[in-house]
Protein backbone atom coordinates (compact mmCIF):
# COMPACT_ATOMS: atom_id res chain seq x y z
CA UNK A 1 0.00 0.00 0.00
CA UNK A 2 1.48 3.34 -1.04
CA UNK A 3 0.88 6.67 0.55
CA UNK A 4 0.28 9.55 -1.86
CA UNK A 5 0.99 13.15 -0.99
CA UNK A 6 -2.02 15.04 -2.38
CA UNK A 7 -0.15 18.16 -3.55
CA UNK A 8 2.58 16.17 -5.26
CA UNK A 9 1.33 15.79 -8.82
CA UNK A 10 3.06 15.19 -12.11
CA UNK A 11 2.16 18.70 -13.29
CA UNK A 12 3.59 20.29 -10.13
CA UNK A 13 6.86 18.42 -10.57
CA UNK A 14 6.98 19.34 -14.25
CA UNK A 15 6.53 23.04 -13.44
CA UNK A 16 9.23 22.87 -10.77
CA UNK A 17 11.54 21.20 -13.27
CA UNK A 18 10.94 24.05 -15.74
CA UNK A 19 11.68 26.58 -12.99
CA UNK A 20 14.88 24.75 -12.11
CA UNK A 21 15.93 24.76 -15.76
CA UNK A 22 15.26 28.52 -15.94
CA UNK A 23 17.47 29.09 -12.88
CA UNK A 24 20.20 26.98 -14.47
CA UNK A 25 19.91 28.96 -17.72
CA UNK A 26 20.42 32.19 -15.74
CA UNK A 27 23.44 30.60 -14.06
CA UNK A 28 24.93 29.75 -17.45
CA UNK A 29 24.45 33.34 -18.57
CA UNK A 30 26.19 34.57 -15.41
CA UNK A 31 29.13 32.27 -16.19
CA UNK A 32 29.39 33.57 -19.75
CA UNK A 33 29.03 37.30 -19.02
CA UNK A 34 32.01 38.68 -17.08
CA UNK A 35 31.40 40.67 -13.91
CA UNK A 36 28.26 38.91 -12.71
CA UNK A 37 29.77 37.29 -9.61
CA UNK A 38 26.77 38.13 -7.43
CA UNK A 39 24.35 36.64 -9.96
CA UNK A 40 26.59 33.60 -10.27
CA UNK A 41 26.46 33.10 -6.52
CA UNK A 42 22.69 33.61 -6.27
CA UNK A 43 21.79 31.39 -9.22
CA UNK A 44 24.42 28.81 -8.26
CA UNK A 45 22.94 28.56 -4.78
CA UNK A 46 19.42 28.41 -6.21
CA UNK A 47 20.49 25.65 -8.62
CA UNK A 48 22.07 23.59 -5.83
CA UNK A 49 19.15 23.96 -3.44
CA UNK A 50 16.69 23.43 -6.30
CA UNK A 51 18.40 20.23 -7.37
CA UNK A 52 18.32 18.86 -3.81
CA UNK A 53 14.64 19.78 -3.52
CA UNK A 54 13.86 18.15 -6.88
CA UNK A 55 15.67 14.98 -5.74
CA UNK A 56 13.64 14.78 -2.53
CA UNK A 57 10.37 15.50 -4.32
CA UNK A 58 11.12 12.94 -7.04
CA UNK A 59 11.92 10.29 -4.43
CA UNK A 60 8.59 11.04 -2.72
CA UNK A 61 6.77 11.00 -6.08
CA UNK A 62 8.44 7.73 -7.00
CA UNK A 63 7.27 6.18 -3.74
CA UNK A 64 3.75 7.50 -4.35
CA UNK A 65 3.85 6.15 -7.93
CA UNK A 66 3.31 9.56 -9.46
CA UNK A 67 6.37 9.26 -11.71
CA UNK A 68 8.18 6.21 -13.12
CA UNK A 69 11.71 5.18 -12.17
CA UNK A 70 13.37 6.33 -15.42
CA UNK A 71 11.99 9.85 -14.92
CA UNK A 72 13.23 9.99 -11.32
CA UNK A 73 16.68 8.87 -12.47
CA UNK A 74 16.74 11.51 -15.21
CA UNK A 75 15.91 14.26 -12.73
CA UNK A 76 18.06 13.13 -9.81
CA UNK A 77 21.17 11.71 -11.46
CA UNK A 78 21.40 13.72 -14.67
CA UNK A 79 19.65 16.82 -13.30
CA UNK A 80 22.61 17.84 -11.18
CA UNK A 81 24.70 18.25 -14.32
CA UNK A 82 22.02 19.76 -16.50
CA UNK A 83 18.39 20.12 -15.39
CA UNK A 84 17.33 20.46 -19.03
CA UNK A 85 17.55 16.66 -19.24
CA UNK A 86 15.00 16.28 -16.44
CA UNK A 87 12.69 18.85 -18.01
CA UNK A 88 12.92 17.06 -21.36
CA UNK A 89 12.15 13.77 -19.60
CA UNK A 90 8.99 15.31 -18.08
CA UNK A 91 7.84 16.53 -21.50
CA UNK A 92 8.53 13.15 -23.06
CA UNK A 93 6.79 11.27 -20.24
CA UNK A 94 3.78 13.56 -20.47
CA UNK A 95 3.46 12.74 -24.17
CA UNK A 96 3.85 9.03 -23.47
CA UNK A 97 1.30 9.14 -20.64
CA UNK A 98 -1.28 11.02 -22.66
CA UNK A 99 -0.97 8.48 -25.47
CA UNK A 100 -1.36 5.58 -23.06
CA UNK A 101 -3.92 7.30 -20.82
CA UNK A 102 -1.98 6.46 -17.68
CA UNK A 103 -0.66 9.86 -16.61
CA UNK A 104 -1.85 10.99 -13.19
CA UNK A 105 -2.69 14.69 -13.31
CA UNK A 106 -4.16 17.05 -10.78
């Protein structure tokens, strides 16, 4: 018997993944543009904390059977290097779930 957290939905995780990717994109811009040390610190910290939060939420969602294992691996393992991979995995899984009719949405 699994316990499901009511506010933890696929759509919520997908939106958080997009937000994390946006933060990472800002961090990349701060790395490229010279003189943005403060922005680099802020977005770097936000990326690190965001990745940890995404890992914890994905583990909870995996236990509640909201997301499949391959999606949790994409977000947690590959997401630390580049969160775009996790965001792409959410988009791909959403397309797969809508075709199969098995996606849990709230």
